[in-house]
Amino acid sequence: MIFIDIDKPHPHEIKEWMRKNKLNIDQSAEILGISKRQFSRFLSGETQAKRVHSLAMQMVWILYENKKEIIKNDKGNSKKITIPIK
């Protein structure tokens, strides 16, 4: 997921980010550390999201994609690391 202009993500790009990450407005605002009202302003275009917000959204997307890839490749074969206690 890449924003066309990292400094000014468009509302439709933010909505696509939410859809791809299966997030609602409450979850999105919480993840970005902003109020629900502020996030709603981004979605409506009333307020322009800033670079820091688009970078945070990119990071969330990368983390979720990596998590999906790990789960897909794991298939229950993960090796547990054990540390013996003496």
C-alpha atoms as a PDB file:
ATOM      1  CA  MET A   1       0.000   0.000   0.000  1.00  0.00           C
ATOM      2  CA  ILE A   2       1.632   3.163  -1.157  1.00  0.00           C
ATOM      3  CA  PHE A   3       0.200   6.663  -0.975  1.00  0.00           C
ATOM      4  CA  ILE A   4       0.590   8.689  -4.169  1.00  0.00           C
ATOM      5  CA  ASP A   5       1.839  11.668  -2.137  1.00  0.00           C
ATOM      6  CA  ILE A   6       3.297  10.613   1.210  1.00  0.00           C
ATOM      7  CA  ASP A   7       2.951  14.197   2.481  1.00  0.00           C
ATOM      8  CA  LYS A   8      -0.762  14.415   1.655  1.00  0.00           C
ATOM      9  CA  PRO A   9      -2.610  11.095   1.690  1.00  0.00           C
ATOM     10  CA  HIS A  10      -6.044  11.384   0.083  1.00  0.00           C
ATOM     11  CA  PRO A  11      -9.197  10.302   1.930  1.00  0.00           C
ATOM     12  CA  HIS A  12      -9.831   7.483  -0.562  1.00  0.00           C
ATOM     13  CA  GLU A  13      -6.315   6.144   0.078  1.00  0.00           C
ATOM     14  CA  ILE A  14      -6.915   6.204   3.820  1.00  0.00           C
ATOM     15  CA  LYS A  15     -10.216   4.352   3.347  1.00  0.00           C
ATOM     16  CA  GLU A  16      -8.391   1.756   1.241  1.00  0.00           C
ATOM     17  CA  TRP A  17      -5.781   1.419   4.012  1.00  0.00           C
ATOM     18  CA  MET A  18      -8.596   0.768   6.499  1.00  0.00           C
ATOM     19  CA  ARG A  19     -10.187  -1.815   4.208  1.00  0.00           C
ATOM     20  CA  LYS A  20      -6.932  -3.693   3.595  1.00  0.00           C
ATOM     21  CA  ASN A  21      -6.164  -3.798   7.309  1.00  0.00           C
ATOM     22  CA  LYS A  22      -9.750  -4.606   8.306  1.00  0.00           C
ATOM     23  CA  LEU A  23      -9.967  -1.592  10.615  1.00  0.00           C
ATOM     24  CA  ASN A  24     -12.871   0.603  11.604  1.00  0.00           C
ATOM     25  CA  ILE A  25     -12.653   4.283  12.538  1.00  0.00           C
ATOM     26  CA  ASP A  26     -12.190   3.578  16.256  1.00  0.00           C
ATOM     27  CA  GLN A  27      -9.384   1.074  15.672  1.00  0.00           C
ATOM     28  CA  SER A  28      -7.674   3.288  13.105  1.00  0.00           C
ATOM     29  CA  ALA A  29      -7.696   6.318  15.386  1.00  0.00           C
ATOM     30  CA  GLU A  30      -6.373   4.273  18.300  1.00  0.00           C
ATOM     31  CA  ILE A  31      -3.554   2.755  16.230  1.00  0.00           C
ATOM     32  CA  LEU A  32      -2.492   6.207  15.011  1.00  0.00           C
ATOM     33  CA  GLY A  33      -2.771   7.725  18.486  1.00  0.00           C
ATOM     34  CA  ILE A  34      -5.280  10.380  17.454  1.00  0.00           C
ATOM     35  CA  SER A  35      -8.894  11.067  18.347  1.00  0.00           C
ATOM     36  CA  LYS A  36     -11.743   9.459  16.467  1.00  0.00           C
ATOM     37  CA  ARG A  37     -12.921  12.942  15.534  1.00  0.00           C
ATOM     38  CA  GLN A  38      -9.543  13.856  14.022  1.00  0.00           C
ATOM     39  CA  PHE A  39      -9.418  10.620  12.053  1.00  0.00           C
ATOM     40  CA  SER A  40     -12.947  11.240  10.784  1.00  0.00           C
ATOM     41  CA  ARG A  41     -11.769  14.628   9.523  1.00  0.00           C
ATOM     42  CA  PHE A  42      -9.064  12.881   7.500  1.00  0.00           C
ATOM     43  CA  LEU A  43     -11.680  10.609   5.938  1.00  0.00           C
ATOM     44  CA  SER A  44     -13.991  13.484   5.048  1.00  0.00           C
ATOM     45  CA  GLY A  45     -11.168  15.623   3.653  1.00  0.00           C
ATOM     46  CA  GLU A  46     -11.938  18.383   6.171  1.00  0.00           C
ATOM     47  CA  THR A  47      -8.394  18.085   7.518  1.00  0.00           C
ATOM     48  CA  GLN A  48      -5.355  16.919   5.580  1.00  0.00           C
ATOM     49  CA  ALA A  49      -3.464  14.013   7.132  1.00  0.00           C
ATOM     50  CA  LYS A  50       0.224  14.765   7.542  1.00  0.00           C
ATOM     51  CA  ARG A  51       3.350  12.868   6.626  1.00  0.00           C
ATOM     52  CA  VAL A  52       3.639  11.439  10.139  1.00  0.00           C
ATOM     53  CA  HIS A  53       0.159   9.933   9.795  1.00  0.00           C
ATOM     54  CA  SER A  54       0.805   8.432   6.367  1.00  0.00           C
ATOM     55  CA  LEU A  55       4.126   6.984   7.554  1.00  0.00           C
ATOM     56  CA  ALA A  56       2.392   5.456  10.575  1.00  0.00           C
ATOM     57  CA  MET A  57      -0.277   3.972   8.288  1.00  0.00           C
ATOM     58  CA  GLN A  58       2.450   2.533   6.051  1.00  0.00           C
ATOM     59  CA  MET A  59       4.121   0.955   9.072  1.00  0.00           C
ATOM     60  CA  VAL A  60       0.860  -0.592  10.277  1.00  0.00           C
ATOM     61  CA  TRP A  61       0.238  -2.010   6.804  1.00  0.00           C
ATOM     62  CA  ILE A  62       3.767  -3.481   6.655  1.00  0.00           C
ATOM     63  CA  LEU A  63       3.372  -5.065  10.100  1.00  0.00           C
ATOM     64  CA  TYR A  64      -0.019  -6.586   9.229  1.00  0.00           C
ATOM     65  CA  GLU A  65       1.271  -7.910   5.902  1.00  0.00           C
ATOM     66  CA  ASN A  66       4.291  -9.484   7.592  1.00  0.00           C
ATOM     67  CA  LYS A  67       2.057 -11.040  10.243  1.00  0.00           C
ATOM     68  CA  LYS A  68      -0.174 -12.564   7.542  1.00  0.00           C
ATOM     69  CA  GLU A  69       2.888 -13.933   5.745  1.00  0.00           C
ATOM     70  CA  ILE A  70       4.293 -15.453   8.952  1.00  0.00           C
ATOM     71  CA  ILE A  71       0.961 -17.115   9.756  1.00  0.00           C
ATOM     72  CA  LYS A  72       0.632 -18.420   6.190  1.00  0.00           C
ATOM     73  CA  ASN A  73       4.140 -19.876   6.178  1.00  0.00           C
ATOM     74  CA  ASP A  74       4.066 -21.205   9.743  1.00  0.00           C
ATOM     75  CA  LYS A  75       1.342 -23.867   9.388  1.00  0.00           C
ATOM     76  CA  GLY A  76       1.976 -25.029  12.950  1.00  0.00           C
ATOM     77  CA  ASN A  77       5.642 -25.815  12.324  1.00  0.00           C
ATOM     78  CA  SER A  78       7.101 -23.032  14.406  1.00  0.00           C
ATOM     79  CA  LYS A  79      10.131 -23.906  16.429  1.00  0.00           C
ATOM     80  CA  LYS A  80       9.893 -22.862  20.029  1.00  0.00           C
ATOM     81  CA  ILE A  81      12.952 -21.538  21.726  1.00  0.00           C
ATOM     82  CA  THR A  82      13.359 -22.980  25.173  1.00  0.00           C
ATOM     83  CA  ILE A  83      15.832 -21.899  27.782  1.00  0.00           C
ATOM     84  CA  PRO A  84      16.597 -24.529  30.392  1.00  0.00           C
ATOM     85  CA  ILE A  85      16.423 -23.255  33.938  1.00  0.00           C
ATOM     86  CA  LYS A  86      18.976 -24.789  36.276  1.00  0.00           C
END
